Protein backbone atom coordinates (compact mmCIF):
# COMPACT_ATOMS: atom_id res chain seq x y z
CA LEU A 1 10.35 8.41 3.52
CA GLY A 2 8.15 11.32 2.12
CA ASN A 3 11.33 13.10 0.75
CA LEU A 4 12.06 10.82 -1.34
CA ALA A 5 10.08 12.51 -3.86
CA SER A 6 11.82 10.60 -7.50
CA LEU A 7 11.51 7.12 -5.91
CA GLU A 8 10.13 5.03 -8.30
CA GLU A 9 10.17 1.38 -5.97
CA LEU A 10 9.93 1.02 -2.75
CA HIS A 11 10.69 -2.80 -1.95
CA LEU A 12 10.44 -3.31 2.20
CA SER A 13 8.90 -6.70 2.00
CA LYS A 14 9.79 -9.39 4.46
CA ASN A 15 10.73 -7.04 7.57
CA ARG A 16 9.21 -6.96 11.02
CA LEU A 17 6.58 -3.76 10.08
CA ARG A 18 3.73 -2.82 12.44
CA VAL A 19 2.75 0.35 10.82
CA LEU A 20 2.64 1.77 7.45
CA PRO A 21 2.87 5.81 9.06
CA THR A 22 0.68 8.09 7.50
CA GLY A 23 2.39 10.34 5.10
CA SER A 24 5.12 7.42 4.12
CA VAL A 25 4.06 7.33 0.26
CA GLU A 26 1.38 10.13 -0.86
CA ASN A 27 4.77 12.75 -1.89
CA MET A 28 6.20 9.77 -3.50
CA THR A 29 5.17 11.37 -6.63
CA ASP A 30 6.47 9.30 -8.96
CA LEU A 31 7.13 5.91 -6.78
CA GLN A 32 5.12 3.02 -9.30
CA ILE A 33 5.96 -0.18 -7.02
CA LEU A 34 5.41 -0.42 -3.37
CA ASP A 35 5.83 -3.62 -1.99
CA VAL A 36 5.17 -3.84 2.29
CA SER A 37 4.76 -7.90 1.79
CA HIS A 38 5.12 -10.51 3.95
CA ASN A 39 5.25 -7.94 7.16
CA PHE A 40 2.84 -7.64 10.10
CA LEU A 41 0.92 -4.97 8.59
CA THR A 42 -3.05 -4.54 10.16
CA LYS A 43 -3.84 -1.79 8.20
CA ILE A 44 -3.44 0.87 5.70
CA PRO A 45 -2.93 4.55 5.64
CA LYS A 46 -6.28 5.74 4.44
CA SER A 47 -3.95 8.21 2.46
CA ILE A 48 -2.41 5.59 -0.19
CA GLY A 49 -4.91 6.54 -2.27
CA LEU A 50 -3.59 10.14 -2.51
CA ASN A 51 -0.69 8.09 -4.62
CA HIS A 52 -2.00 7.57 -8.71
CA TYR A 53 -0.04 6.72 -10.07
CA LEU A 54 1.06 3.71 -8.49
CA LYS A 55 1.13 0.65 -10.44
CA ASN A 56 1.59 -2.52 -7.86
CA LEU A 57 0.57 -2.60 -4.48
CA LEU A 58 2.22 -5.23 -2.58
CA LEU A 59 0.12 -5.95 0.58
CA GLY A 60 0.33 -10.08 0.88
CA CYS A 61 1.13 -11.87 3.58
CA ASN A 62 0.34 -9.32 6.29
CA GLN A 63 -2.50 -9.48 8.96
CA ILE A 64 -4.75 -6.61 6.50
CA GLU A 65 -8.74 -7.37 7.73
CA GLU A 66 -9.86 -4.18 6.12
CA LEU A 67 -8.48 -2.24 2.83
CA PRO A 68 -9.15 1.21 2.41
CA ARG A 69 -12.02 2.59 0.81
CA THR A 70 -9.40 4.87 -1.32
CA THR A 71 -8.29 2.11 -2.51
CA ILE A 72 -10.69 2.09 -4.90
CA ALA A 73 -10.38 5.79 -6.33
CA MET A 74 -5.96 5.02 -7.46
CA THR A 75 -6.87 5.02 -11.26
CA GLY A 76 -3.22 3.48 -11.92
CA LEU A 77 -3.41 0.78 -10.28
CA GLN A 78 -2.43 -1.96 -11.98
CA ARG A 79 -2.09 -4.85 -9.58
CA LEU A 80 -2.77 -5.39 -6.16
CA ASP A 81 -2.74 -8.12 -4.22
CA VAL A 82 -4.15 -8.56 -0.62
CA SER A 83 -2.95 -12.68 -0.51
CA GLY A 84 -2.14 -14.18 2.89
CA ASN A 85 -3.98 -11.29 4.63
CA GLN A 86 -7.14 -11.55 7.51
CA LEU A 87 -9.51 -9.18 4.87
CA THR A 88 -13.29 -9.84 6.25
CA ARG A 89 -14.86 -6.86 3.13
CA LEU A 90 -13.81 -5.14 -0.06
CA PRO A 91 -14.35 -1.44 -0.12
CA GLU A 92 -17.59 -1.40 -2.35
CA ILE A 93 -17.44 -0.01 -5.30
């Protein structure tokens, strides 16, 4: 997926994803919407924070316990949905 540099939206919701591989989205420099909701993800790679143009990050209804600290560096983020997960803490600012 990393070769799709011009991709603006990636919708992978309602699959059976257990892992979002490191390196899968940071080369997608035009990516604005990433929807991986309704899967079985337990964590998000730290490298997700390298995508500063991402506006919508939809992680709802997974099994995520913790968000990587790098998510607070995502200055372009307008919508972050982490509802329906198993979060035990949020990254500190």
